[in-house]
Amino acid sequence: MQISEQDIDSYAYERLVEAICALNWKGLSREDLIDVATAYYYFSVQFRENLEIACVQYPDDEKLRQLELGECNTDNLSPWPGVALPGEKLNHDEFMRRLLDLSPVDRHRRGCIDGIGRRYLDTIRRMDPDIRARSIASYEDGGLEKLFRAMLTAPDWDGALLQAFRHFLIQHIRFDEDPEQGHGALSRHLAPDDRILPLWQECKHLLVESVPALLS
């Protein structure tokens, strides 16, 4: 197999992001996509925790404070029917938690993913705080935008839960994509490297264990 210059120059975590984006998103059923939303809730919890860690480690970093205002206790996802009232401020992981209650779900299926999610959080919480803080730049400066665009290629978004999840994804692409004023610009100075690879490895594990159809 021929290796391109881009592959040589990129970090392993960046290549892993591409691999996650290349999973079988277009082949997911509506039920599979609900499982993705359930798994992603746990990712959103660790994202908020990592951002809080970054703000504690760099208390004078004004850019991180601005980023925190865009992710925590904010109304930039409000309103949304059944999830957030007009002007209501909430953390983005709380938005995800609420939207999971919008549609009836299989309790056994939800319980299995909740168990996977809790184990995922336990693993992340044992990682070095500095590495967790640096991961924010990899998420905000392109990583999650690519992942969200891949998720949005899934074919069936019918129902209140998935419409709310779709709103979450589209809004976050808007938050991240501006190269000068977006969330990526507020975090890229953290300069992530392959020390953060384990966080993306755990992200992939969370997704494919929760939604085996991604590997089809």
C-alpha atoms as a PDB file:
ATOM      1  CA  MET A   1       0.000   0.000   0.000  1.00  0.00           C
ATOM      2  CA  GLN A   2       1.339   3.410  -0.965  1.00  0.00           C
ATOM      3  CA  ILE A   3       1.630   5.946   1.877  1.00  0.00           C
ATOM      4  CA  SER A   4       0.979   9.575   1.035  1.00  0.00           C
ATOM      5  CA  GLU A   5       2.893  12.569   2.373  1.00  0.00           C
ATOM      6  CA  GLN A   6      -0.276  13.636   4.171  1.00  0.00           C
ATOM      7  CA  ASP A   7      -0.377  10.318   6.061  1.00  0.00           C
ATOM      8  CA  ILE A   8       3.284  10.738   7.058  1.00  0.00           C
ATOM      9  CA  ASP A   9       2.729  14.290   8.280  1.00  0.00           C
ATOM     10  CA  SER A  10      -0.505  13.655  10.165  1.00  0.00           C
ATOM     11  CA  TYR A  11      -0.844  12.427  13.723  1.00  0.00           C
ATOM     12  CA  ALA A  12      -2.163   8.930  14.371  1.00  0.00           C
ATOM     13  CA  TYR A  13      -5.185  10.393  16.149  1.00  0.00           C
ATOM     14  CA  GLU A  14      -6.083  12.339  12.990  1.00  0.00           C
ATOM     15  CA  ARG A  15      -5.965   9.148  10.951  1.00  0.00           C
ATOM     16  CA  LEU A  16      -8.154   7.468  13.563  1.00  0.00           C
ATOM     17  CA  VAL A  17     -10.709  10.283  13.247  1.00  0.00           C
ATOM     18  CA  GLU A  18     -10.813   9.610   9.499  1.00  0.00           C
ATOM     19  CA  ALA A  19     -11.329   5.905  10.194  1.00  0.00           C
ATOM     20  CA  ILE A  20     -14.239   6.659  12.531  1.00  0.00           C
ATOM     21  CA  CYS A  21     -15.780   8.907   9.895  1.00  0.00           C
ATOM     22  CA  ALA A  22     -15.447   6.067   7.365  1.00  0.00           C
ATOM     23  CA  LEU A  23     -17.606   3.699   9.439  1.00  0.00           C
ATOM     24  CA  ASN A  24     -20.963   2.543   8.101  1.00  0.00           C
ATOM     25  CA  TRP A  25     -22.942   5.703   8.931  1.00  0.00           C
ATOM     26  CA  LYS A  26     -24.956   5.536   5.696  1.00  0.00           C
ATOM     27  CA  GLY A  27     -26.113   2.021   6.501  1.00  0.00           C
ATOM     28  CA  LEU A  28     -27.592   2.730   9.926  1.00  0.00           C
ATOM     29  CA  SER A  29     -31.253   2.149  10.669  1.00  0.00           C
ATOM     30  CA  ARG A  30     -33.348   4.574  12.671  1.00  0.00           C
ATOM     31  CA  GLU A  31     -32.919   2.357  15.744  1.00  0.00           C
ATOM     32  CA  ASP A  32     -29.161   2.253  15.216  1.00  0.00           C
ATOM     33  CA  LEU A  33     -29.067   6.036  15.048  1.00  0.00           C
ATOM     34  CA  ILE A  34     -30.938   6.312  18.335  1.00  0.00           C
ATOM     35  CA  ASP A  35     -28.225   4.087  19.798  1.00  0.00           C
ATOM     36  CA  VAL A  36     -25.602   6.479  18.370  1.00  0.00           C
ATOM     37  CA  ALA A  37     -27.331   9.376  20.149  1.00  0.00           C
ATOM     38  CA  THR A  38     -27.371   7.393  23.388  1.00  0.00           C
ATOM     39  CA  ALA A  39     -23.664   6.593  23.123  1.00  0.00           C
ATOM     40  CA  TYR A  40     -22.817  10.142  22.136  1.00  0.00           C
ATOM     41  CA  TYR A  41     -24.448  11.429  25.335  1.00  0.00           C
ATOM     42  CA  TYR A  42     -21.589   9.786  27.264  1.00  0.00           C
ATOM     43  CA  PHE A  43     -19.030  11.351  24.943  1.00  0.00           C
ATOM     44  CA  SER A  44     -20.650  14.750  25.564  1.00  0.00           C
ATOM     45  CA  VAL A  45     -20.252  14.272  29.318  1.00  0.00           C
ATOM     46  CA  GLN A  46     -16.509  13.638  28.983  1.00  0.00           C
ATOM     47  CA  PHE A  47     -16.212  16.582  26.599  1.00  0.00           C
ATOM     48  CA  ARG A  48     -17.663  18.946  29.212  1.00  0.00           C
ATOM     49  CA  GLU A  49     -15.483  17.463  31.929  1.00  0.00           C
ATOM     50  CA  ASN A  50     -12.373  17.845  29.755  1.00  0.00           C
ATOM     51  CA  LEU A  51     -13.239  21.471  29.037  1.00  0.00           C
ATOM     52  CA  GLU A  52     -13.723  22.128  32.744  1.00  0.00           C
ATOM     53  CA  ILE A  53     -10.310  20.568  33.402  1.00  0.00           C
ATOM     54  CA  ALA A  54      -8.740  22.788  30.729  1.00  0.00           C
ATOM     55  CA  CYS A  55     -10.272  25.904  32.297  1.00  0.00           C
ATOM     56  CA  VAL A  56      -8.910  24.920  35.719  1.00  0.00           C
ATOM     57  CA  GLN A  57      -5.447  24.203  34.331  1.00  0.00           C
ATOM     58  CA  TYR A  58      -5.343  27.475  32.395  1.00  0.00           C
ATOM     59  CA  PRO A  59      -7.392  29.876  34.547  1.00  0.00           C
ATOM     60  CA  ASP A  60      -6.164  32.998  32.720  1.00  0.00           C
ATOM     61  CA  ASP A  61      -6.857  31.661  29.228  1.00  0.00           C
ATOM     62  CA  GLU A  62      -9.531  33.979  27.842  1.00  0.00           C
ATOM     63  CA  LYS A  63     -10.117  31.862  24.742  1.00  0.00           C
ATOM     64  CA  LEU A  64     -10.970  28.823  26.838  1.00  0.00           C
ATOM     65  CA  ARG A  65     -13.350  30.933  28.893  1.00  0.00           C
ATOM     66  CA  GLN A  66     -15.090  32.018  25.705  1.00  0.00           C
ATOM     67  CA  LEU A  67     -15.292  28.389  24.621  1.00  0.00           C
ATOM     68  CA  GLU A  68     -16.793  27.423  27.962  1.00  0.00           C
ATOM     69  CA  LEU A  69     -19.476  30.097  27.475  1.00  0.00           C
ATOM     70  CA  GLY A  70     -20.363  28.445  24.179  1.00  0.00           C
ATOM     71  CA  GLU A  71     -20.615  24.927  25.608  1.00  0.00           C
ATOM     72  CA  CYS A  72     -21.783  25.254  29.214  1.00  0.00           C
ATOM     73  CA  ASN A  73     -24.753  27.045  30.754  1.00  0.00           C
ATOM     74  CA  THR A  74     -25.680  28.465  27.354  1.00  0.00           C
ATOM     75  CA  ASP A  75     -28.864  29.027  25.370  1.00  0.00           C
ATOM     76  CA  ASN A  76     -27.253  28.518  21.964  1.00  0.00           C
ATOM     77  CA  LEU A  77     -29.219  25.275  21.431  1.00  0.00           C
ATOM     78  CA  SER A  78     -32.484  26.715  22.772  1.00  0.00           C
ATOM     79  CA  PRO A  79     -35.335  26.513  22.156  1.00  0.00           C
ATOM     80  CA  TRP A  80     -36.120  22.966  21.142  1.00  0.00           C
ATOM     81  CA  PRO A  81     -39.517  21.282  21.696  1.00  0.00           C
ATOM     82  CA  GLY A  82     -39.497  18.986  24.695  1.00  0.00           C
ATOM     83  CA  VAL A  83     -35.833  19.695  25.436  1.00  0.00           C
ATOM     84  CA  ALA A  84     -35.142  23.390  26.055  1.00  0.00           C
ATOM     85  CA  LEU A  85     -37.373  26.405  26.585  1.00  0.00           C
ATOM     86  CA  PRO A  86     -36.772  29.729  24.774  1.00  0.00           C
ATOM     87  CA  GLY A  87     -33.713  31.332  26.332  1.00  0.00           C
ATOM     88  CA  GLU A  88     -33.067  28.372  28.640  1.00  0.00           C
ATOM     89  CA  LYS A  89     -29.392  27.954  29.503  1.00  0.00           C
ATOM     90  CA  LEU A  90     -28.003  24.478  29.938  1.00  0.00           C
ATOM     91  CA  ASN A  91     -24.873  22.424  29.370  1.00  0.00           C
ATOM     92  CA  HIS A  92     -24.750  20.679  26.009  1.00  0.00           C
ATOM     93  CA  ASP A  93     -24.554  17.245  27.623  1.00  0.00           C
ATOM     94  CA  GLU A  94     -27.762  18.094  29.493  1.00  0.00           C
ATOM     95  CA  PHE A  95     -29.393  18.869  26.138  1.00  0.00           C
ATOM     96  CA  MET A  96     -28.322  15.393  24.993  1.00  0.00           C
ATOM     97  CA  ARG A  97     -29.611  13.755  28.169  1.00  0.00           C
ATOM     98  CA  ARG A  98     -33.019  15.370  27.779  1.00  0.00           C
ATOM     99  CA  LEU A  99     -33.446  14.551  24.100  1.00  0.00           C
ATOM    100  CA  LEU A 100     -32.961  10.850  24.842  1.00  0.00           C
ATOM    101  CA  ASP A 101     -36.315  10.934  26.647  1.00  0.00           C
ATOM    102  CA  LEU A 102     -38.234  12.215  23.607  1.00  0.00           C
ATOM    103  CA  SER A 103     -39.043   8.790  22.141  1.00  0.00           C
ATOM    104  CA  PRO A 104     -39.839   5.370  23.591  1.00  0.00           C
ATOM    105  CA  VAL A 105     -36.834   3.061  23.505  1.00  0.00           C
ATOM    106  CA  ASP A 106     -36.094  -0.584  24.140  1.00  0.00           C
ATOM    107  CA  ARG A 107     -35.093  -0.676  27.821  1.00  0.00           C
ATOM    108  CA  HIS A 108     -32.763  -3.641  27.402  1.00  0.00           C
ATOM    109  CA  ARG A 109     -31.026  -1.965  24.462  1.00  0.00           C
ATOM    110  CA  ARG A 110     -30.717   1.335  26.356  1.00  0.00           C
ATOM    111  CA  GLY A 111     -29.456  -0.452  29.454  1.00  0.00           C
ATOM    112  CA  CYS A 112     -26.690  -2.176  27.490  1.00  0.00           C
ATOM    113  CA  ILE A 113     -25.489   1.116  26.015  1.00  0.00           C
ATOM    114  CA  ASP A 114     -25.698   2.837  29.389  1.00  0.00           C
ATOM    115  CA  GLY A 115     -23.378   0.167  30.764  1.00  0.00           C
ATOM    116  CA  ILE A 116     -20.938   0.697  27.886  1.00  0.00           C
ATOM    117  CA  GLY A 117     -21.131   4.453  28.438  1.00  0.00           C
ATOM    118  CA  ARG A 118     -20.422   4.226  32.151  1.00  0.00           C
ATOM    119  CA  ARG A 119     -17.386   2.034  31.514  1.00  0.00           C
ATOM    120  CA  TYR A 120     -16.236   4.527  28.893  1.00  0.00           C
ATOM    121  CA  LEU A 121     -16.455   7.396  31.390  1.00  0.00           C
ATOM    122  CA  ASP A 122     -14.605   5.369  34.019  1.00  0.00           C
ATOM    123  CA  THR A 123     -11.769   4.812  31.537  1.00  0.00           C
ATOM    124  CA  ILE A 124     -11.582   8.466  30.482  1.00  0.00           C
ATOM    125  CA  ARG A 125     -11.635   9.685  34.086  1.00  0.00           C
ATOM    126  CA  ARG A 126      -8.513   7.668  34.858  1.00  0.00           C
ATOM    127  CA  MET A 127      -6.536   9.474  32.147  1.00  0.00           C
ATOM    128  CA  ASP A 128      -4.030  12.255  32.757  1.00  0.00           C
ATOM    129  CA  PRO A 129      -5.771  15.645  33.213  1.00  0.00           C
ATOM    130  CA  ASP A 130      -3.357  17.455  30.902  1.00  0.00           C
ATOM    131  CA  ILE A 131      -4.072  15.002  28.094  1.00  0.00           C
ATOM    132  CA  ARG A 132      -7.807  15.358  28.670  1.00  0.00           C
ATOM    133  CA  ALA A 133      -7.465  19.147  28.482  1.00  0.00           C
ATOM    134  CA  ARG A 134      -5.505  18.981  25.214  1.00  0.00           C
ATOM    135  CA  SER A 135      -8.111  16.720  23.642  1.00  0.00           C
ATOM    136  CA  ILE A 136     -10.484  19.691  23.446  1.00  0.00           C
ATOM    137  CA  ALA A 137      -8.543  21.163  20.527  1.00  0.00           C
ATOM    138  CA  SER A 138      -8.731  17.900  18.575  1.00  0.00           C
ATOM    139  CA  TYR A 139     -12.489  17.800  19.113  1.00  0.00           C
ATOM    140  CA  GLU A 140     -13.235  21.429  18.339  1.00  0.00           C
ATOM    141  CA  ASP A 141     -10.687  22.108  15.613  1.00  0.00           C
ATOM    142  CA  GLY A 142     -12.045  19.737  12.992  1.00  0.00           C
ATOM    143  CA  GLY A 143     -12.412  16.342  14.641  1.00  0.00           C
ATOM    144  CA  LEU A 144     -16.020  16.561  15.744  1.00  0.00           C
ATOM    145  CA  GLU A 145     -17.058  18.574  12.700  1.00  0.00           C
ATOM    146  CA  LYS A 146     -15.867  15.685  10.503  1.00  0.00           C
ATOM    147  CA  LEU A 147     -17.558  13.132  12.741  1.00  0.00           C
ATOM    148  CA  PHE A 148     -20.850  15.035  12.813  1.00  0.00           C
ATOM    149  CA  ARG A 149     -20.881  15.399   9.030  1.00  0.00           C
ATOM    150  CA  ALA A 150     -20.347  11.637   8.774  1.00  0.00           C
ATOM    151  CA  MET A 151     -23.189  10.978  11.211  1.00  0.00           C
ATOM    152  CA  LEU A 152     -25.506  13.206   9.190  1.00  0.00           C
ATOM    153  CA  THR A 153     -25.147  10.886   6.183  1.00  0.00           C
ATOM    154  CA  ALA A 154     -27.362   8.361   7.989  1.00  0.00           C
ATOM    155  CA  PRO A 155     -30.621   8.072   6.019  1.00  0.00           C
ATOM    156  CA  ASP A 156     -33.445   8.086   8.584  1.00  0.00           C
ATOM    157  CA  TRP A 157     -33.912  10.947  11.051  1.00  0.00           C
ATOM    158  CA  ASP A 158     -37.625  10.493  11.615  1.00  0.00           C
ATOM    159  CA  GLY A 159     -39.001  11.141  15.103  1.00  0.00           C
ATOM    160  CA  ALA A 160     -38.633  13.716  17.863  1.00  0.00           C
ATOM    161  CA  LEU A 161     -35.476  12.240  19.387  1.00  0.00           C
ATOM    162  CA  LEU A 162     -33.517  12.097  16.149  1.00  0.00           C
ATOM    163  CA  GLN A 163     -34.702  15.513  14.998  1.00  0.00           C
ATOM    164  CA  ALA A 164     -33.357  16.985  18.240  1.00  0.00           C
ATOM    165  CA  PHE A 165     -30.068  15.082  17.805  1.00  0.00           C
ATOM    166  CA  ARG A 166     -29.811  16.342  14.227  1.00  0.00           C
ATOM    167  CA  HIS A 167     -30.320  19.914  15.500  1.00  0.00           C
ATOM    168  CA  PHE A 168     -27.505  19.337  18.009  1.00  0.00           C
ATOM    169  CA  LEU A 169     -25.134  18.117  15.278  1.00  0.00           C
ATOM    170  CA  ILE A 170     -25.919  20.853  12.759  1.00  0.00           C
ATOM    171  CA  GLN A 171     -25.556  23.603  15.345  1.00  0.00           C
ATOM    172  CA  HIS A 172     -22.211  22.239  16.498  1.00  0.00           C
ATOM    173  CA  ILE A 173     -20.899  22.197  12.942  1.00  0.00           C
ATOM    174  CA  ARG A 174     -21.820  25.873  12.803  1.00  0.00           C
ATOM    175  CA  PHE A 175     -20.058  26.534  16.115  1.00  0.00           C
ATOM    176  CA  ASP A 176     -16.850  24.818  14.989  1.00  0.00           C
ATOM    177  CA  GLU A 177     -16.431  25.532  11.290  1.00  0.00           C
ATOM    178  CA  ASP A 178     -15.483  29.243  11.302  1.00  0.00           C
ATOM    179  CA  PRO A 179     -11.650  29.206  11.013  1.00  0.00           C
ATOM    180  CA  GLU A 180     -11.243  32.575  12.783  1.00  0.00           C
ATOM    181  CA  GLN A 181     -14.145  32.908  15.243  1.00  0.00           C
ATOM    182  CA  GLY A 182     -15.361  29.330  15.744  1.00  0.00           C
ATOM    183  CA  HIS A 183     -14.758  26.980  18.637  1.00  0.00           C
ATOM    184  CA  GLY A 184     -11.720  25.521  16.882  1.00  0.00           C
ATOM    185  CA  ALA A 185     -10.049  28.920  16.858  1.00  0.00           C
ATOM    186  CA  LEU A 186     -10.635  29.189  20.607  1.00  0.00           C
ATOM    187  CA  SER A 187      -8.906  25.894  21.386  1.00  0.00           C
ATOM    188  CA  ARG A 188      -6.247  25.048  18.792  1.00  0.00           C
ATOM    189  CA  HIS A 189      -3.530  26.767  20.830  1.00  0.00           C
ATOM    190  CA  LEU A 190      -3.675  23.740  23.162  1.00  0.00           C
ATOM    191  CA  ALA A 191      -1.727  21.954  20.383  1.00  0.00           C
ATOM    192  CA  PRO A 192      -2.843  18.319  20.708  1.00  0.00           C
ATOM    193  CA  ASP A 193      -0.509  15.502  19.670  1.00  0.00           C
ATOM    194  CA  ASP A 194      -0.645  11.719  19.807  1.00  0.00           C
ATOM    195  CA  ARG A 195      -0.760  11.714  23.581  1.00  0.00           C
ATOM    196  CA  ILE A 196      -4.512  12.177  23.077  1.00  0.00           C
ATOM    197  CA  LEU A 197      -4.803   9.109  20.819  1.00  0.00           C
ATOM    198  CA  PRO A 198      -6.279   6.969  23.648  1.00  0.00           C
ATOM    199  CA  LEU A 199      -9.249   9.339  23.948  1.00  0.00           C
ATOM    200  CA  TRP A 200     -10.133   8.872  20.284  1.00  0.00           C
ATOM    201  CA  GLN A 201      -9.557   5.132  20.598  1.00  0.00           C
ATOM    202  CA  GLU A 202     -12.072   5.062  23.438  1.00  0.00           C
ATOM    203  CA  CYS A 203     -14.482   7.157  21.356  1.00  0.00           C
ATOM    204  CA  LYS A 204     -14.364   4.601  18.551  1.00  0.00           C
ATOM    205  CA  HIS A 205     -14.760   1.742  21.014  1.00  0.00           C
ATOM    206  CA  LEU A 206     -17.786   3.465  22.583  1.00  0.00           C
ATOM    207  CA  LEU A 207     -19.463   3.890  19.202  1.00  0.00           C
ATOM    208  CA  VAL A 208     -18.826   0.481  17.667  1.00  0.00           C
ATOM    209  CA  GLU A 209     -19.577  -1.440  20.859  1.00  0.00           C
ATOM    210  CA  SER A 210     -22.843   0.464  21.230  1.00  0.00           C
ATOM    211  CA  VAL A 211     -23.744   0.238  17.514  1.00  0.00           C
ATOM    212  CA  PRO A 212     -22.241  -2.905  15.934  1.00  0.00           C
ATOM    213  CA  ALA A 213     -23.864  -2.025  12.590  1.00  0.00           C
ATOM    214  CA  LEU A 214     -21.180   0.642  12.211  1.00  0.00           C
ATOM    215  CA  LEU A 215     -18.751  -2.164  11.343  1.00  0.00           C
ATOM    216  CA  SER A 216     -20.944  -3.715   8.657  1.00  0.00           C
END
